[in-house]
Amino acid sequence: METKQTLIENAALISSSIKRISHEIIEKNAGGEDVVLVGIRTRGEPLAERLKILIQENTGREILLGALDITFHRDDFRERLVVPQIEGTHIDFSLDDKNVILVDDVLYTGRTIRSAMEALMAFGRPKKIQLAVLVDRGHREMPIKADYVGKNIPTSDGEHVMVLLKEIDGKDAVVLMSYKEES
């Protein structure tokens, strides 16, 4: 199988997208009032951390940050053949009456987000749950739409969007992976 990699966004473009999303969150949520950020592990967590810093710098408000591991909430958990990497959830505050911004790297079928919303309910009853993603690649299987999107990247069968973040991968990049059968 042949793999082709195409750089879609570099570090500067990712930084610009995150900055724009932070401003949109502030604007849509009364200057950041009652906003808490929850990053879906693995790459949603550092994205949420970056958003937290920018929102705090621009509003002067303390923004609470949590991390959510949805491994056991996934509807395909038993179908996967790999042993899951459990990182654990870290939300040490109530979500009651908060505007929860759920943060992830890529929105695809919507199943991850559905699982995340289900897992969040163990931590309280939010006033609102909003979704921020760096990349929306389409192909929804669930009626889920992001409130904040860094970039829309339409994909087709045989393509995959890979987000690399410096906190995990040593660099920032969004790469489109195309797979074709060799003839």
N, C-alpha and C. Protein backbone atom coordinates (compact mmCIF):
# COMPACT_ATOMS: atom_id res chain seq x y z
N MET A 1 0.85 -1.18 0.00
CA MET A 1 0.00 0.00 0.00
C MET A 1 0.89 1.24 0.00
N GLU A 2 0.60 2.16 -0.88
CA GLU A 2 1.36 3.39 -1.00
C GLU A 2 0.72 4.47 -0.13
N THR A 3 1.55 5.23 0.58
CA THR A 3 1.07 6.31 1.44
C THR A 3 1.64 7.63 0.97
N LYS A 4 0.78 8.60 0.78
CA LYS A 4 1.20 9.95 0.40
C LYS A 4 0.84 10.89 1.54
N GLN A 5 1.79 11.74 1.94
CA GLN A 5 1.54 12.71 3.00
C GLN A 5 1.56 14.12 2.43
N THR A 6 0.52 14.90 2.77
CA THR A 6 0.44 16.28 2.32
C THR A 6 0.29 17.18 3.54
N LEU A 7 1.21 18.12 3.70
CA LEU A 7 1.12 19.07 4.81
C LEU A 7 -0.03 20.03 4.54
N ILE A 8 -0.99 20.08 5.45
CA ILE A 8 -2.15 20.95 5.30
C ILE A 8 -1.96 22.24 6.12
N GLU A 9 -1.46 22.09 7.34
CA GLU A 9 -1.20 23.26 8.20
C GLU A 9 0.14 23.09 8.89
N ASN A 10 0.89 24.19 8.97
CA ASN A 10 2.14 24.19 9.71
C ASN A 10 1.89 24.80 11.10
N ALA A 11 2.96 24.96 11.87
CA ALA A 11 2.82 25.47 13.24
C ALA A 11 2.19 26.86 13.29
N ALA A 12 2.56 27.73 12.37
CA ALA A 12 2.02 29.10 12.37
C ALA A 12 0.51 29.10 12.10
N LEU A 13 0.07 28.29 11.16
CA LEU A 13 -1.36 28.22 10.85
C LEU A 13 -2.16 27.60 12.00
N ILE A 14 -1.59 26.59 12.65
CA ILE A 14 -2.25 25.98 13.81
C ILE A 14 -2.38 27.00 14.93
N SER A 15 -1.32 27.74 15.19
CA SER A 15 -1.34 28.77 16.23
C SER A 15 -2.41 29.83 15.92
N SER A 16 -2.49 30.23 14.67
CA SER A 16 -3.49 31.21 14.25
C SER A 16 -4.91 30.68 14.45
N SER A 17 -5.13 29.41 14.11
CA SER A 17 -6.45 28.80 14.30
C SER A 17 -6.84 28.76 15.77
N ILE A 18 -5.91 28.38 16.62
CA ILE A 18 -6.18 28.29 18.06
C ILE A 18 -6.48 29.68 18.63
N LYS A 19 -5.73 30.67 18.17
CA LYS A 19 -5.97 32.04 18.64
C LYS A 19 -7.37 32.51 18.23
N ARG A 20 -7.76 32.24 16.97
CA ARG A 20 -9.09 32.63 16.49
C ARG A 20 -10.18 31.92 17.29
N ILE A 21 -10.00 30.62 17.54
CA ILE A 21 -10.99 29.86 18.32
C ILE A 21 -11.13 30.45 19.72
N SER A 22 -10.01 30.83 20.34
CA SER A 22 -10.07 31.41 21.69
C SER A 22 -10.90 32.69 21.70
N HIS A 23 -10.74 33.53 20.67
CA HIS A 23 -11.52 34.76 20.59
C HIS A 23 -13.00 34.47 20.36
N GLU A 24 -13.30 33.46 19.54
CA GLU A 24 -14.69 33.09 19.30
C GLU A 24 -15.35 32.56 20.58
N ILE A 25 -14.60 31.79 21.37
CA ILE A 25 -15.13 31.28 22.64
C ILE A 25 -15.46 32.44 23.58
N ILE A 26 -14.55 33.39 23.68
CA ILE A 26 -14.77 34.56 24.54
C ILE A 26 -16.01 35.33 24.08
N GLU A 27 -16.12 35.56 22.78
CA GLU A 27 -17.24 36.32 22.23
C GLU A 27 -18.57 35.62 22.45
N LYS A 28 -18.61 34.32 22.26
CA LYS A 28 -19.86 33.57 22.35
C LYS A 28 -20.26 33.26 23.80
N ASN A 29 -19.33 33.46 24.76
CA ASN A 29 -19.59 33.09 26.15
C ASN A 29 -19.37 34.25 27.12
N ALA A 30 -19.94 35.39 26.81
CA ALA A 30 -19.94 36.55 27.72
C ALA A 30 -18.56 36.83 28.31
N GLY A 31 -17.55 36.89 27.46
CA GLY A 31 -16.21 37.20 27.95
C GLY A 31 -15.55 36.09 28.73
N GLY A 32 -16.02 34.87 28.55
CA GLY A 32 -15.40 33.73 29.23
C GLY A 32 -16.03 33.38 30.56
N GLU A 33 -17.14 34.02 30.89
CA GLU A 33 -17.80 33.75 32.18
C GLU A 33 -18.33 32.32 32.23
N ASP A 34 -18.06 31.65 33.33
CA ASP A 34 -18.51 30.27 33.58
C ASP A 34 -17.98 29.26 32.56
N VAL A 35 -16.91 29.61 31.84
CA VAL A 35 -16.31 28.69 30.87
C VAL A 35 -15.32 27.76 31.56
N VAL A 36 -15.44 26.47 31.25
CA VAL A 36 -14.42 25.50 31.63
C VAL A 36 -14.05 24.74 30.36
N LEU A 37 -12.81 24.35 30.27
CA LEU A 37 -12.31 23.62 29.11
C LEU A 37 -12.03 22.18 29.50
N VAL A 38 -12.45 21.25 28.66
CA VAL A 38 -12.17 19.83 28.89
C VAL A 38 -11.61 19.26 27.60
N GLY A 39 -10.35 18.86 27.65
CA GLY A 39 -9.69 18.28 26.48
C GLY A 39 -9.85 16.78 26.45
N ILE A 40 -10.21 16.25 25.28
CA ILE A 40 -10.32 14.80 25.12
C ILE A 40 -8.92 14.27 24.87
N ARG A 41 -8.52 13.30 25.70
CA ARG A 41 -7.19 12.73 25.54
C ARG A 41 -7.12 11.95 24.25
N THR A 42 -6.12 12.09 23.46
CA THR A 42 -4.81 12.56 23.83
C THR A 42 -4.54 13.99 23.34
N ARG A 43 -4.82 14.29 22.10
CA ARG A 43 -4.42 15.58 21.56
C ARG A 43 -5.38 16.73 21.87
N GLY A 44 -6.57 16.45 22.34
CA GLY A 44 -7.47 17.52 22.77
C GLY A 44 -6.97 18.20 24.04
N GLU A 45 -6.23 17.46 24.83
CA GLU A 45 -5.74 18.00 26.11
C GLU A 45 -4.76 19.17 25.90
N PRO A 46 -3.69 19.02 25.10
CA PRO A 46 -2.81 20.18 24.91
C PRO A 46 -3.48 21.32 24.15
N LEU A 47 -4.42 21.01 23.27
CA LEU A 47 -5.16 22.08 22.59
C LEU A 47 -5.98 22.87 23.61
N ALA A 48 -6.62 22.18 24.55
CA ALA A 48 -7.38 22.86 25.60
C ALA A 48 -6.47 23.72 26.47
N GLU A 49 -5.29 23.22 26.76
CA GLU A 49 -4.31 23.98 27.56
C GLU A 49 -3.92 25.28 26.84
N ARG A 50 -3.69 25.19 25.55
CA ARG A 50 -3.34 26.39 24.77
C ARG A 50 -4.50 27.39 24.76
N LEU A 51 -5.72 26.88 24.59
CA LEU A 51 -6.89 27.76 24.62
C LEU A 51 -7.05 28.43 25.98
N LYS A 52 -6.82 27.67 27.03
CA LYS A 52 -6.93 28.21 28.39
C LYS A 52 -6.00 29.41 28.57
N ILE A 53 -4.76 29.26 28.15
CA ILE A 53 -3.77 30.34 28.29
C ILE A 53 -4.23 31.58 27.54
N LEU A 54 -4.68 31.41 26.31
CA LEU A 54 -5.12 32.55 25.50
C LEU A 54 -6.37 33.22 26.08
N ILE A 55 -7.33 32.43 26.51
CA ILE A 55 -8.56 32.99 27.09
C ILE A 55 -8.25 33.75 28.36
N GLN A 56 -7.40 33.19 29.22
CA GLN A 56 -7.02 33.87 30.46
C GLN A 56 -6.28 35.17 30.16
N GLU A 57 -5.37 35.16 29.18
CA GLU A 57 -4.64 36.38 28.81
C GLU A 57 -5.58 37.47 28.33
N ASN A 58 -6.62 37.09 27.59
CA ASN A 58 -7.52 38.07 26.99
C ASN A 58 -8.66 38.50 27.89
N THR A 59 -8.97 37.74 28.93
CA THR A 59 -10.10 38.09 29.79
C THR A 59 -9.70 38.39 31.23
N GLY A 60 -8.56 37.88 31.65
CA GLY A 60 -8.16 38.03 33.05
C GLY A 60 -8.91 37.07 33.97
N ARG A 61 -9.73 36.21 33.41
CA ARG A 61 -10.49 35.23 34.20
C ARG A 61 -9.70 33.94 34.37
N GLU A 62 -9.86 33.32 35.52
CA GLU A 62 -9.28 31.99 35.75
C GLU A 62 -10.17 30.97 35.05
N ILE A 63 -9.60 30.18 34.16
CA ILE A 63 -10.35 29.17 33.42
C ILE A 63 -9.94 27.79 33.92
N LEU A 64 -10.93 27.01 34.34
CA LEU A 64 -10.66 25.65 34.81
C LEU A 64 -10.42 24.74 33.61
N LEU A 65 -9.53 23.77 33.81
CA LEU A 65 -9.13 22.86 32.73
C LEU A 65 -9.19 21.42 33.22
N GLY A 66 -9.80 20.57 32.41
CA GLY A 66 -9.87 19.15 32.72
C GLY A 66 -9.45 18.33 31.52
N ALA A 67 -9.21 17.04 31.77
CA ALA A 67 -8.85 16.10 30.71
C ALA A 67 -9.77 14.90 30.82
N LEU A 68 -10.26 14.43 29.68
CA LEU A 68 -11.24 13.37 29.65
C LEU A 68 -10.72 12.18 28.84
N ASP A 69 -10.71 11.01 29.47
CA ASP A 69 -10.34 9.77 28.78
C ASP A 69 -11.64 9.02 28.51
N ILE A 70 -11.96 8.83 27.24
CA ILE A 70 -13.25 8.21 26.88
C ILE A 70 -13.11 6.75 26.47
N THR A 71 -11.97 6.16 26.71
CA THR A 71 -11.69 4.80 26.24
C THR A 71 -12.83 3.83 26.50
N PHE A 72 -13.32 3.78 27.72
CA PHE A 72 -14.35 2.80 28.07
C PHE A 72 -15.77 3.25 27.73
N HIS A 73 -15.90 4.47 27.22
CA HIS A 73 -17.22 4.97 26.81
C HIS A 73 -17.46 4.79 25.32
N ARG A 74 -16.43 4.41 24.58
CA ARG A 74 -16.56 4.25 23.13
C ARG A 74 -17.48 3.09 22.79
N ASP A 75 -18.30 3.26 21.75
CA ASP A 75 -19.20 2.18 21.36
C ASP A 75 -18.48 1.06 20.60
N ASP A 76 -17.23 1.30 20.19
CA ASP A 76 -16.47 0.26 19.50
C ASP A 76 -15.37 -0.33 20.38
N PHE A 77 -15.47 -0.09 21.68
CA PHE A 77 -14.43 -0.54 22.61
C PHE A 77 -14.14 -2.03 22.49
N ARG A 78 -15.16 -2.85 22.45
CA ARG A 78 -14.96 -4.30 22.41
C ARG A 78 -14.53 -4.82 21.02
N GLU A 79 -14.75 -4.02 19.99
CA GLU A 79 -14.40 -4.43 18.63
C GLU A 79 -12.92 -4.19 18.32
N ARG A 80 -12.28 -3.31 19.06
CA ARG A 80 -10.88 -2.99 18.78
C ARG A 80 -9.99 -4.13 19.25
N LEU A 81 -9.01 -4.43 18.44
CA LEU A 81 -8.13 -5.56 18.76
C LEU A 81 -6.92 -5.14 19.59
N VAL A 82 -6.66 -3.85 19.68
CA VAL A 82 -5.50 -3.38 20.43
C VAL A 82 -5.86 -3.20 21.90
N VAL A 83 -4.87 -3.32 22.76
CA VAL A 83 -5.06 -3.07 24.18
C VAL A 83 -5.11 -1.56 24.36
N PRO A 84 -6.17 -1.02 24.95
CA PRO A 84 -6.31 0.43 25.05
C PRO A 84 -5.28 1.05 25.99
N GLN A 85 -4.85 2.26 25.64
CA GLN A 85 -3.97 3.03 26.51
C GLN A 85 -4.89 3.86 27.41
N ILE A 86 -4.91 3.55 28.68
CA ILE A 86 -5.76 4.27 29.63
C ILE A 86 -4.94 5.39 30.26
N GLU A 87 -5.38 6.62 30.06
CA GLU A 87 -4.66 7.76 30.62
C GLU A 87 -5.40 8.34 31.81
N GLY A 88 -6.67 8.04 31.93
CA GLY A 88 -7.44 8.53 33.06
C GLY A 88 -8.05 9.89 32.81
N THR A 89 -9.15 10.12 33.48
CA THR A 89 -9.83 11.40 33.42
C THR A 89 -9.40 12.24 34.59
N HIS A 90 -9.20 13.53 34.33
CA HIS A 90 -8.84 14.45 35.40
C HIS A 90 -9.76 15.66 35.32
N ILE A 91 -10.85 15.59 36.05
CA ILE A 91 -11.77 16.74 36.18
C ILE A 91 -12.06 16.84 37.68
N ASP A 92 -11.39 17.77 38.34
CA ASP A 92 -11.52 17.87 39.80
C ASP A 92 -12.40 19.06 40.21
N PHE A 93 -13.42 19.33 39.40
CA PHE A 93 -14.36 20.40 39.69
C PHE A 93 -15.72 20.00 39.13
N SER A 94 -16.76 20.62 39.64
CA SER A 94 -18.12 20.32 39.16
C SER A 94 -18.38 21.04 37.84
N LEU A 95 -19.13 20.40 36.98
CA LEU A 95 -19.53 21.03 35.72
C LEU A 95 -20.91 21.68 35.82
N ASP A 96 -21.52 21.60 37.01
CA ASP A 96 -22.86 22.18 37.20
C ASP A 96 -22.89 23.64 36.78
N ASP A 97 -23.86 23.97 35.92
CA ASP A 97 -24.11 25.35 35.46
C ASP A 97 -22.91 26.00 34.79
N LYS A 98 -22.01 25.21 34.23
CA LYS A 98 -20.85 25.75 33.51
C LYS A 98 -21.07 25.64 32.01
N ASN A 99 -20.38 26.50 31.28
CA ASN A 99 -20.32 26.40 29.83
C ASN A 99 -19.08 25.56 29.52
N VAL A 100 -19.30 24.30 29.25
CA VAL A 100 -18.19 23.37 29.02
C VAL A 100 -17.80 23.42 27.55
N ILE A 101 -16.54 23.72 27.31
CA ILE A 101 -16.02 23.66 25.95
C ILE A 101 -15.22 22.36 25.87
N LEU A 102 -15.75 21.42 25.12
CA LEU A 102 -15.10 20.14 24.88
C LEU A 102 -14.13 20.35 23.72
N VAL A 103 -12.88 19.93 23.89
CA VAL A 103 -11.84 20.21 22.89
C VAL A 103 -11.25 18.91 22.37
N ASP A 104 -11.16 18.80 21.04
CA ASP A 104 -10.54 17.62 20.41
C ASP A 104 -9.76 18.07 19.18
N ASP A 105 -8.92 17.19 18.68
CA ASP A 105 -8.11 17.55 17.52
C ASP A 105 -8.88 17.42 16.22
N VAL A 106 -9.54 16.27 15.99
CA VAL A 106 -10.23 16.02 14.72
C VAL A 106 -11.65 15.56 14.99
N LEU A 107 -12.60 16.17 14.27
CA LEU A 107 -13.99 15.71 14.30
C LEU A 107 -14.23 14.92 13.02
N TYR A 108 -14.66 13.68 13.19
CA TYR A 108 -14.87 12.78 12.06
C TYR A 108 -16.30 12.26 12.09
N THR A 109 -16.53 11.09 12.62
CA THR A 109 -17.87 10.49 12.61
C THR A 109 -18.80 11.09 13.67
N GLY A 110 -18.23 11.64 14.74
CA GLY A 110 -19.02 12.17 15.85
C GLY A 110 -19.13 11.20 17.01
N ARG A 111 -18.68 9.97 16.81
CA ARG A 111 -18.80 8.95 17.86
C ARG A 111 -17.93 9.27 19.09
N THR A 112 -16.75 9.81 18.88
CA THR A 112 -15.89 10.19 20.01
C THR A 112 -16.58 11.27 20.84
N ILE A 113 -17.18 12.25 20.18
CA ILE A 113 -17.82 13.35 20.89
C ILE A 113 -19.05 12.85 21.64
N ARG A 114 -19.82 11.97 21.03
CA ARG A 114 -20.99 11.39 21.72
C ARG A 114 -20.52 10.69 22.99
N SER A 115 -19.45 9.93 22.89
CA SER A 115 -18.90 9.23 24.06
C SER A 115 -18.42 10.22 25.12
N ALA A 116 -17.79 11.28 24.67
CA ALA A 116 -17.28 12.29 25.60
C ALA A 116 -18.42 12.97 26.35
N MET A 117 -19.50 13.29 25.65
CA MET A 117 -20.64 13.94 26.32
C MET A 117 -21.25 13.00 27.35
N GLU A 118 -21.33 11.75 27.03
CA GLU A 118 -21.84 10.76 27.98
C GLU A 118 -20.95 10.70 29.23
N ALA A 119 -19.65 10.69 29.03
CA ALA A 119 -18.70 10.63 30.15
C ALA A 119 -18.76 11.90 31.00
N LEU A 120 -18.97 13.05 30.37
CA LEU A 120 -19.02 14.32 31.10
C LEU A 120 -20.13 14.37 32.14
N MET A 121 -21.23 13.70 31.88
CA MET A 121 -22.39 13.77 32.77
C MET A 121 -22.10 13.24 34.17
N ALA A 122 -21.04 12.48 34.33
CA ALA A 122 -20.65 12.00 35.66
C ALA A 122 -20.09 13.13 36.52
N PHE A 123 -19.80 14.28 35.91
CA PHE A 123 -19.17 15.38 36.63
C PHE A 123 -20.08 16.58 36.84
N GLY A 124 -21.37 16.39 36.59
CA GLY A 124 -22.32 17.46 36.83
C GLY A 124 -23.20 17.70 35.62
N ARG A 125 -24.06 18.70 35.77
CA ARG A 125 -25.00 19.05 34.70
C ARG A 125 -24.62 20.42 34.16
N PRO A 126 -23.90 20.44 33.02
CA PRO A 126 -23.47 21.72 32.45
C PRO A 126 -24.65 22.57 31.98
N LYS A 127 -24.45 23.88 32.00
CA LYS A 127 -25.43 24.80 31.40
C LYS A 127 -25.44 24.56 29.89
N LYS A 128 -24.25 24.43 29.30
CA LYS A 128 -24.08 24.18 27.86
C LYS A 128 -22.85 23.33 27.64
N ILE A 129 -22.87 22.56 26.58
CA ILE A 129 -21.66 21.89 26.11
C ILE A 129 -21.43 22.37 24.69
N GLN A 130 -20.26 22.93 24.46
CA GLN A 130 -19.87 23.37 23.12
C GLN A 130 -18.66 22.57 22.70
N LEU A 131 -18.43 22.51 21.39
CA LEU A 131 -17.34 21.70 20.86
C LEU A 131 -16.38 22.57 20.06
N ALA A 132 -15.08 22.44 20.39
CA ALA A 132 -14.01 23.11 19.64
C ALA A 132 -13.08 22.04 19.09
N VAL A 133 -12.84 22.09 17.78
CA VAL A 133 -11.93 21.13 17.14
C VAL A 133 -10.95 21.88 16.25
N LEU A 134 -9.76 21.34 16.14
CA LEU A 134 -8.78 21.94 15.25
C LEU A 134 -9.14 21.64 13.79
N VAL A 135 -9.62 20.41 13.53
CA VAL A 135 -9.95 19.99 12.16
C VAL A 135 -11.30 19.29 12.14
N ASP A 136 -12.14 19.69 11.18
CA ASP A 136 -13.38 18.96 10.90
C ASP A 136 -13.21 18.34 9.53
N ARG A 137 -13.20 17.01 9.47
CA ARG A 137 -12.96 16.33 8.20
C ARG A 137 -14.23 15.75 7.57
N GLY A 138 -15.39 16.02 8.17
CA GLY A 138 -16.64 15.55 7.59
C GLY A 138 -16.93 14.09 7.89
N HIS A 139 -17.86 13.50 7.16
CA HIS A 139 -18.24 12.08 7.25
C HIS A 139 -18.96 11.73 8.55
N ARG A 140 -19.84 12.60 9.03
CA ARG A 140 -20.54 12.37 10.28
C ARG A 140 -21.46 11.17 10.22
N GLU A 141 -21.47 10.39 11.30
CA GLU A 141 -22.41 9.29 11.50
C GLU A 141 -23.40 9.63 12.61
N MET A 142 -23.12 10.69 13.33
CA MET A 142 -23.97 11.16 14.43
C MET A 142 -24.30 12.63 14.15
N PRO A 143 -25.43 13.11 14.63
CA PRO A 143 -25.80 14.50 14.38
C PRO A 143 -25.04 15.46 15.31
N ILE A 144 -23.74 15.59 15.07
CA ILE A 144 -22.88 16.41 15.92
C ILE A 144 -22.17 17.42 15.04
N LYS A 145 -22.15 18.67 15.51
CA LYS A 145 -21.51 19.75 14.75
C LYS A 145 -20.65 20.56 15.72
N ALA A 146 -19.46 20.92 15.29
CA ALA A 146 -18.58 21.72 16.14
C ALA A 146 -19.03 23.18 16.16
N ASP A 147 -18.90 23.81 17.33
CA ASP A 147 -19.20 25.23 17.48
C ASP A 147 -18.02 26.08 17.02
N TYR A 148 -16.81 25.53 17.16
CA TYR A 148 -15.58 26.24 16.82
C TYR A 148 -14.69 25.28 16.02
N VAL A 149 -14.29 25.70 14.83
CA VAL A 149 -13.48 24.84 13.95
C VAL A 149 -12.27 25.62 13.47
N GLY A 150 -11.10 25.03 13.63
CA GLY A 150 -9.89 25.64 13.11
C GLY A 150 -9.85 25.60 11.60
N LYS A 151 -10.09 24.41 11.02
CA LYS A 151 -10.07 24.25 9.58
C LYS A 151 -10.95 23.08 9.17
N ASN A 152 -11.73 23.28 8.11
CA ASN A 152 -12.49 22.19 7.50
C ASN A 152 -11.63 21.57 6.42
N ILE A 153 -11.44 20.26 6.51
CA ILE A 153 -10.66 19.53 5.51
C ILE A 153 -11.51 18.39 4.99
N PRO A 154 -12.20 18.61 3.85
CA PRO A 154 -13.00 17.52 3.29
C PRO A 154 -12.09 16.36 2.90
N THR A 155 -12.48 15.16 3.27
CA THR A 155 -11.68 13.98 2.97
C THR A 155 -12.52 12.97 2.21
N SER A 156 -11.84 12.01 1.62
CA SER A 156 -12.54 10.93 0.93
C SER A 156 -12.07 9.61 1.51
N ASP A 157 -12.69 8.52 1.05
CA ASP A 157 -12.25 7.20 1.49
C ASP A 157 -10.77 7.05 1.16
N GLY A 158 -10.03 6.42 2.04
CA GLY A 158 -8.61 6.22 1.80
C GLY A 158 -7.76 7.40 2.26
N GLU A 159 -8.39 8.36 2.95
CA GLU A 159 -7.63 9.49 3.49
C GLU A 159 -7.82 9.56 5.00
N HIS A 160 -6.82 10.08 5.67
CA HIS A 160 -6.82 10.20 7.12
C HIS A 160 -6.15 11.53 7.47
N VAL A 161 -6.70 12.24 8.45
CA VAL A 161 -6.10 13.48 8.91
C VAL A 161 -5.32 13.18 10.19
N MET A 162 -4.04 13.54 10.18
CA MET A 162 -3.20 13.32 11.35
C MET A 162 -2.77 14.68 11.90
N VAL A 163 -3.10 14.92 13.17
CA VAL A 163 -2.68 16.15 13.84
C VAL A 163 -1.47 15.81 14.70
N LEU A 164 -0.42 16.59 14.53
CA LEU A 164 0.78 16.46 15.35
C LEU A 164 0.88 17.70 16.22
N LEU A 165 1.14 17.51 17.51
CA LEU A 165 1.28 18.63 18.43
C LEU A 165 2.62 18.54 19.15
N LYS A 166 3.26 19.68 19.33
CA LYS A 166 4.62 19.68 19.90
C LYS A 166 4.67 19.04 21.29
N GLU A 167 3.59 19.17 22.07
CA GLU A 167 3.59 18.59 23.42
C GLU A 167 3.68 17.06 23.39
N ILE A 168 3.21 16.45 22.32
CA ILE A 168 3.16 14.99 22.21
C ILE A 168 4.11 14.47 21.14
N ASP A 169 4.13 15.17 19.99
CA ASP A 169 4.85 14.68 18.82
C ASP A 169 6.13 15.45 18.52
N GLY A 170 6.41 16.50 19.26
CA GLY A 170 7.63 17.26 19.04
C GLY A 170 7.50 18.38 18.01
N LYS A 171 6.38 18.44 17.30
CA LYS A 171 6.16 19.52 16.34
C LYS A 171 4.66 19.68 16.11
N ASP A 172 4.29 20.85 15.57
CA ASP A 172 2.90 21.13 15.21
C ASP A 172 2.72 20.98 13.71
N ALA A 173 1.75 20.19 13.29
CA ALA A 173 1.43 20.04 11.87
C ALA A 173 0.10 19.33 11.73
N VAL A 174 -0.58 19.60 10.63
CA VAL A 174 -1.75 18.83 10.23
C VAL A 174 -1.39 18.23 8.88
N VAL A 175 -1.46 16.90 8.81
CA VAL A 175 -1.04 16.18 7.62
C VAL A 175 -2.20 15.34 7.10
N LEU A 176 -2.42 15.39 5.79
CA LEU A 176 -3.40 14.54 5.14
C LEU A 176 -2.68 13.31 4.62
N MET A 177 -3.10 12.15 5.12
CA MET A 177 -2.51 10.88 4.70
C MET A 177 -3.44 10.26 3.67
N SER A 178 -2.90 9.93 2.48
CA SER A 178 -3.69 9.28 1.43
C SER A 178 -3.12 7.89 1.21
N TYR A 179 -3.99 6.91 1.22
CA TYR A 179 -3.58 5.52 1.06
C TYR A 179 -4.15 4.99 -0.26
N LYS A 180 -3.29 4.37 -1.07
CA LYS A 180 -3.76 3.74 -2.31
C LYS A 180 -3.11 2.38 -2.44
N GLU A 181 -3.88 1.49 -3.02
CA GLU A 181 -3.36 0.16 -3.33
C GLU A 181 -2.34 0.30 -4.46
N GLU A 182 -1.21 -0.38 -4.30
CA GLU A 182 -0.21 -0.36 -5.37
C GLU A 182 -0.68 -1.28 -6.48
N SER A 183 -0.47 -0.84 -7.73
CA SER A 183 -0.92 -1.67 -8.84
C SER A 183 0.21 -2.38 -9.51
